[in-house]
Amino acid sequence: MPAETHAPVPYQGLDEQNRTGSLPPHRIGSLGSNILRMAMLCAAAILAACTAKTPSVQTPATASSITRAEQEAVQLDQLPAIPEPHTADDSGRKVVGKASFYARDFDGKKMANGRRFNPATDVAASKTLPIGTTAKVIDLDNGKSATVTVEDRGPYVGGRTLDVSPKVAETLRMKKSGIADVMVKPIAVPQPDGRVKLGAGAADMAPSQMTALATSRVSPG
């Protein structure tokens, strides 16, 4: 009796690699194309991520330093005002004293920062605050206030803390009396290392303004 034979069964479920141990040339070419395509897509994605513009974000350290500066300004504002010290003061504390205003003889004269005095500007003279300090000046009799920039030294009359321009004197409504009891609240105080320290007056400002001041530095010259 002849041996039983079986018809060849069509190949199912296994590819050529399982039968021969290697891929046929047409599969190798297809696989290589897919790998190359994937590599190119990945490279393009990485390149796009590296070259994309990222938004400016404050680092935790920067945000922390700004917060500390703002907190210190609030703490300084909560401290009682002191009489004008006898030495240079960059602490940012509130000071009380008497203010006067520049006489006409000073118009056009050179100030301590090298500029010419202009009576129509918001400038002031102080013996103790650093040149470049911005400060809020409050008339304690009528509550009027003005913001000044310290650009000069003085006044050199005993018992006076600040000299202000005629424009500021008009804002404070002190031109008639000539002298006024004032509180000086430093807002931004230049420091020896070039930083700008927030003073007690910064506590009266909006948070965005405080942040801008906290990140600023003294402009050279």
Protein backbone atom coordinates (compact mmCIF):
# COMPACT_ATOMS: atom_id res chain seq x y z
CA MET A 1 0.00 0.00 0.00
CA PRO A 2 1.54 3.24 -0.99
CA ALA A 3 2.54 5.62 1.76
CA GLU A 4 -0.07 8.16 2.62
CA THR A 5 0.75 11.52 1.30
CA HIS A 6 -0.58 14.89 2.30
CA ALA A 7 -1.08 17.92 0.17
CA PRO A 8 1.21 20.78 1.13
CA VAL A 9 -0.45 23.08 3.62
CA PRO A 10 -0.31 26.76 2.73
CA TYR A 11 2.00 28.72 4.99
CA GLN A 12 -0.06 30.49 7.68
CA GLY A 13 0.79 32.81 10.57
CA LEU A 14 4.57 32.68 10.23
CA ASP A 15 6.67 34.82 8.01
CA GLU A 16 9.81 34.02 6.15
CA GLN A 17 12.02 34.92 9.08
CA ASN A 18 10.61 32.10 11.20
CA ARG A 19 11.13 29.63 8.37
CA THR A 20 14.52 30.66 7.13
CA GLY A 21 15.97 32.63 10.05
CA SER A 22 16.32 35.84 8.02
CA LEU A 23 14.18 38.39 6.28
CA PRO A 24 13.86 38.44 2.55
CA PRO A 25 15.39 41.40 0.73
CA HIS A 26 12.08 43.15 0.06
CA ARG A 27 11.17 43.04 3.79
CA ILE A 28 14.61 44.33 4.78
CA GLY A 29 14.21 47.29 2.47
CA SER A 30 10.74 48.06 3.84
CA LEU A 31 11.87 47.81 7.46
CA GLY A 32 14.88 49.99 6.78
CA SER A 33 12.68 52.65 5.23
CA ASN A 34 10.39 52.64 8.26
CA ILE A 35 13.31 52.95 10.67
CA LEU A 36 14.81 55.80 8.65
CA ARG A 37 11.46 57.56 8.53
CA MET A 38 11.01 57.26 12.31
CA ALA A 39 14.53 58.56 12.93
CA MET A 40 13.92 61.58 10.71
CA LEU A 41 10.63 62.34 12.48
CA CYS A 42 12.30 62.10 15.90
CA ALA A 43 15.16 64.35 14.81
CA ALA A 44 12.70 66.93 13.47
CA ALA A 45 10.74 66.88 16.73
CA ILE A 46 13.90 67.35 18.82
CA LEU A 47 15.09 70.19 16.57
CA ALA A 48 11.72 71.93 16.83
CA ALA A 49 11.73 71.63 20.62
CA CYS A 50 15.24 73.06 20.85
CA THR A 51 14.63 75.99 18.54
CA ALA A 52 11.14 76.93 19.74
CA LYS A 53 10.98 80.17 21.67
CA THR A 54 10.14 79.52 25.28
CA PRO A 55 8.31 82.16 27.32
CA SER A 56 10.28 84.07 29.90
CA VAL A 57 9.63 82.47 33.26
CA GLN A 58 10.94 83.65 36.60
CA THR A 59 13.12 81.07 38.26
CA PRO A 60 12.11 80.04 41.78
CA ALA A 61 15.19 81.82 43.13
CA THR A 62 14.29 85.07 41.37
CA ALA A 63 10.67 84.89 42.44
CA SER A 64 11.80 84.17 45.98
CA SER A 65 14.14 87.17 46.08
CA ILE A 66 11.39 89.44 44.74
CA THR A 67 9.01 88.18 47.39
CA ARG A 68 11.57 88.84 50.10
CA ALA A 69 12.17 92.36 48.78
CA GLU A 70 8.46 93.11 48.75
CA GLN A 71 7.99 91.67 52.23
CA GLU A 72 10.86 93.78 53.52
CA ALA A 73 9.26 96.91 52.05
CA VAL A 74 6.04 96.15 53.93
CA GLN A 75 7.99 95.51 57.14
CA LEU A 76 9.85 98.82 56.75
CA ASP A 77 6.54 100.62 56.28
CA GLN A 78 5.26 99.12 59.52
CA LEU A 79 8.20 100.49 61.51
CA PRO A 80 7.76 103.88 63.17
CA ALA A 81 9.27 106.86 61.38
CA ILE A 82 12.57 108.15 62.73
CA PRO A 83 14.24 111.57 62.71
CA GLU A 84 16.75 112.11 59.93
CA PRO A 85 19.96 110.24 60.78
CA HIS A 86 23.27 112.08 60.88
CA THR A 87 24.98 109.73 58.44
CA ALA A 88 24.23 108.26 55.01
CA ASP A 89 21.16 106.06 55.14
CA ASP A 90 20.26 103.47 52.51
CA SER A 91 18.02 101.42 54.83
CA GLY A 92 14.75 102.55 53.24
CA ARG A 93 13.18 103.53 56.57
CA LYS A 94 10.64 106.32 56.95
CA VAL A 95 11.99 109.64 58.18
CA VAL A 96 10.17 112.66 59.61
CA GLY A 97 11.45 116.20 59.54
CA LYS A 98 10.97 119.58 57.93
CA ALA A 99 11.06 120.32 54.21
CA SER A 100 11.76 123.60 52.46
CA PHE A 101 11.98 124.43 48.76
CA TYR A 102 14.63 125.80 46.43
CA ALA A 103 14.91 129.55 46.03
CA ARG A 104 15.05 131.11 42.56
CA ASP A 105 18.78 131.66 42.92
CA PHE A 106 19.33 127.94 42.31
CA ASP A 107 17.65 127.85 38.90
CA GLY A 108 20.08 126.42 36.36
CA LYS A 109 22.81 125.69 38.88
CA LYS A 110 24.60 122.38 38.82
CA MET A 111 23.34 119.78 41.29
CA ALA A 112 25.29 117.01 43.02
CA ASN A 113 24.57 114.54 40.22
CA GLY A 114 25.99 116.94 37.61
CA ARG A 115 22.68 118.05 36.09
CA ARG A 116 21.35 121.58 36.07
CA PHE A 117 18.54 122.35 38.48
CA ASN A 118 15.17 122.77 36.80
CA PRO A 119 12.44 124.18 39.08
CA ALA A 120 9.75 122.45 36.99
CA THR A 121 10.99 118.92 37.79
CA ASP A 122 10.28 116.59 40.71
CA VAL A 123 13.74 116.77 42.28
CA ALA A 124 14.86 117.01 45.87
CA ALA A 125 18.00 117.46 47.92
CA SER A 126 18.93 115.26 50.87
CA LYS A 127 22.00 115.03 53.06
CA THR A 128 21.62 111.33 53.80
CA LEU A 129 19.67 109.50 51.08
CA PRO A 130 21.74 108.12 48.16
CA ILE A 131 21.67 110.11 44.94
CA GLY A 132 19.08 108.53 42.67
CA THR A 133 16.72 107.56 45.47
CA THR A 134 13.03 107.95 44.68
CA ALA A 135 10.84 108.78 47.65
CA LYS A 136 7.30 109.66 48.56
CA VAL A 137 7.04 112.92 50.48
CA ILE A 138 3.91 113.50 52.56
CA ASP A 139 2.93 116.84 54.07
CA LEU A 140 1.84 115.88 57.58
CA ASP A 141 -0.40 118.94 57.93
CA ASN A 142 -2.60 118.51 54.86
CA GLY A 143 -1.92 114.94 53.70
CA LYS A 144 -0.74 116.01 50.24
CA SER A 145 2.00 113.85 48.74
CA ALA A 146 4.47 113.88 45.87
CA THR A 147 7.14 111.57 44.49
CA VAL A 148 10.63 113.00 44.20
CA THR A 149 14.04 111.89 42.99
CA VAL A 150 17.04 112.83 45.10
CA GLU A 151 19.51 114.52 42.73
CA ASP A 152 21.20 117.02 45.02
CA ARG A 153 22.73 117.45 48.45
CA GLY A 154 21.25 119.68 51.14
CA PRO A 155 19.56 121.50 52.71
CA TYR A 156 22.34 122.90 54.82
CA VAL A 157 20.08 124.89 57.10
CA GLY A 158 19.83 123.38 60.57
CA GLY A 159 16.73 121.34 61.36
CA ARG A 160 15.72 120.68 57.75
CA THR A 161 15.54 117.24 56.21
CA LEU A 162 14.66 117.87 52.57
CA ASP A 163 14.71 120.59 49.94
CA VAL A 164 12.18 120.14 47.14
CA SER A 165 11.70 121.91 43.83
CA PRO A 166 9.08 124.66 43.48
CA LYS A 167 6.95 122.23 41.45
CA VAL A 168 6.91 119.72 44.31
CA ALA A 169 6.28 122.50 46.83
CA GLU A 170 3.23 123.50 44.81
CA THR A 171 1.95 119.92 44.82
CA LEU A 172 2.39 119.73 48.58
CA ARG A 173 0.69 123.12 49.00
CA MET A 174 3.62 124.38 51.09
CA LYS A 175 4.78 127.35 49.00
CA LYS A 176 2.89 129.83 51.12
CA SER A 177 4.41 128.70 54.42
CA GLY A 178 7.81 127.86 52.87
CA ILE A 179 8.42 125.06 55.37
CA ALA A 180 6.36 121.96 56.12
CA ASP A 181 6.47 119.01 58.46
CA VAL A 182 6.88 115.99 56.23
CA MET A 183 7.38 112.26 56.23
CA VAL A 184 9.85 110.92 53.67
CA LYS A 185 9.18 107.34 52.59
CA PRO A 186 11.95 105.99 50.34
CA ILE A 187 10.58 103.93 47.46
CA ALA A 188 13.70 102.70 45.64
CA VAL A 189 17.09 103.16 47.25
CA PRO A 190 20.31 102.55 45.27
CA GLN A 191 22.74 100.27 47.08
CA PRO A 192 26.55 100.30 46.90
CA ASP A 193 26.60 97.05 44.88
CA GLY A 194 24.32 98.44 42.16
CA ARG A 195 21.11 96.83 43.36
CA VAL A 196 17.97 98.82 44.11
CA LYS A 197 16.42 98.17 47.50
CA LEU A 198 12.71 98.65 48.07
CA GLY A 199 12.01 101.09 50.87
CA ALA A 200 8.95 101.78 53.00
CA GLY A 201 7.32 103.86 50.26
CA ALA A 202 7.22 100.86 47.90
CA ALA A 203 4.58 99.28 50.15
CA ASP A 204 2.11 101.88 48.82
CA MET A 205 2.63 100.76 45.23
CA ALA A 206 0.87 98.13 43.12
CA PRO A 207 2.44 94.63 43.19
CA SER A 208 3.50 94.89 39.53
CA GLN A 209 5.33 98.16 40.23
CA MET A 210 7.04 96.64 43.25
CA THR A 211 8.18 93.67 41.18
CA ALA A 212 9.58 95.96 38.47
CA LEU A 213 11.54 97.91 41.09
CA ALA A 214 12.77 94.76 42.81
CA THR A 215 14.34 93.49 39.59
CA SER A 216 15.90 96.82 38.55
CA ARG A 217 19.45 97.98 39.05
CA VAL A 218 21.12 101.36 39.22
CA SER A 219 21.81 102.69 35.72
CA PRO A 220 25.52 103.40 35.21
CA GLY A 221 26.36 107.09 35.14
